[in-house]
Structure formats: C-alpha cells, structure tokens
Amino acid sequence: MITAVAGVLSGCSRQAEAQPVDDMEAFLERYSEEPDMEEMFDNFLDRLLEQAELPEDVAAGVRLAAAEGPAFIMDLLMVLTGEPALRALVDKQHPLPDGYAPDDLVRLEGSAGGASYTISRGDLMLRRAAGTALEEMAAAARTGGVTLMASSAYRSYDYQVTVYNRNVAEMGREVADRESARPGYSQHQTGLVVDFGSITDEFAGTSAGRWMAANAGRFGWSLSFPDGYEAVTGYRWESWHYRYVGPVLAAFIDAYFGGIQQYGLRFIYEWEQAGG
C-alpha cells in the first residue's frame, strides 16, 4: 500500500508545488528503505487517530480506507493542497491567531442586489470564495422552490465579545458556553460561516433546513454542530450553522468521517502537526 501511495504522491508532486505535497512525500521517503515501512506507517496512522480522539468505528474506517489503496491518501493530498483556512481547526481548544481578520471580505447583496438568497440585515459579510459558493448554492435551491436566508455571517473579534457577553448575562456562563463561542474561538470570525433562517431549532424542519441537510455538502458547506455530538464539538445542535470548507474537503469529511466536520478537521490538524 505504501509503495502505491508513494507513486501517487510522486505523480502529484510534479503537478503541484504546494509545501504539503513535499512534506507528505518526504515522510514516506524517510522510510522507503525500511523493511517494516508499512508497519511503521500503520503505527503512525494509529497515533494520529488516537490523538484526534476519533471513536473506534470512525478510526477503523480510516484504517481500512488507508489499507485498501492510495485513494485515501490521494484524497487527503487534495485537501492539503487547498486553501489552509478552509481546513483550519477552530474550536474550544484551538483559537484563531490573535488579531485574525480575513482580508477578502465581501458584503452579501441579498435579493435586492440580484442574489438568489435573502439577508436578514444589510451588514453581512463573507470571504469572497464563501460568498460565491453561497450564491451558487442558493441558486440551486431556488430552482427547487427553496429560498435560503443568510441571517448571520462574519463576526469580528470585538463583535463576538458583545455576542458572548450578552449570552453570559442572559443565560449564565455554563449555558452560554453551549450556545456561543468565546471571542477568538468562533468559526464566524473566519468569514466562512453562515447562520441560516431563524437561527433556532425550528430551522431543521423548514424546507430550507431540509434542503441544506440534503445538498449543502456538494457546494462545499458543512454542518458544524450536528445533533447528538455536543460532547465532540462542545456546542449543542445548531441545524442552521454551516461552514464553507469547499467541495473537496466536504467530500473528504463525508467519505471518511461520517460527515462529522469536527472529526475530519481534527484528523487533518493532527496530521499536519505531526509533519505528515
């Protein structure tokens, strides 16, 4: 399996100059002369899966995919040669860099500006790629008779301070921490997140909520906080909170991590931390 993977990486590295390709190929090359190379790679993968704290059924699926051939590593390679911000792990343990703010924010136009989606207010912004993807997804939804409404998008660090403090004042800190991120730890600050519709549990049962659940992934949008995974994500179910990760990463998460964004991003994070 490792020999096949090395061949795939060698072929891909001639087509892409991104540093992650070189890093992955170098990792395999270090062990190319070792008689127990495959065992060493398997041990490396096992350590990553443990560090990523994946449940055994998900970890077993990744091991099987890696053992069956180069497709898993090929797909991972495609993810790692993409925009780093799309795969950045942002959760309760992994904040954004101090002072982080996207440099390509665009204002969402809504239907008044000719967009296929509506907006709840006029000051919503997203990173450019996410804004383009939102329009593509909303146009597809509209052909099915569904209109998507963007209700919240980019939040600066300072704005998240206001949101979080308001929630603490209204609910108490323990409950607030299930509902909103502390400043610097919010996916909204990436400029890649949209809260859709009513921003309530009722969204899941609406035509827009059902359409999103069935179709968002093919446009690169991933549900961040699925039902029943609070112990994993740190937040209760938010059927309205979608993060743009791009179609390649969304497909990777769906194929190997059961569609759970946190599992996929955490595995990628541990891979990159290990110099994979």
Foldseek 3Di string as FASTA:
>chain_A
DLVQQLVVLVVVCVVDVDPLSVLVNVVSVVCVPPPCSVVVVLVVLVVLLVQLVAPPVLSVLLSVVVVVGNPLVNLLVVLVRDDPLLLADFAQVDFDPPPDADPAKDWADAVVNPALAHEPDGGAIAHPLLSVLVRVLSVVVVVVVDHKYFYHAADALVRLCVVLVVLCVVPNNVQSQQPGHHRRRHPRRSRFKTFIDPQDPCLCVDPVLVCCVVPVLQSQKAQAADDPCCVQRVYHHGSRIIGRSGNSQQVSCVPRVVRHSSSSSSSSVSCVVVSD
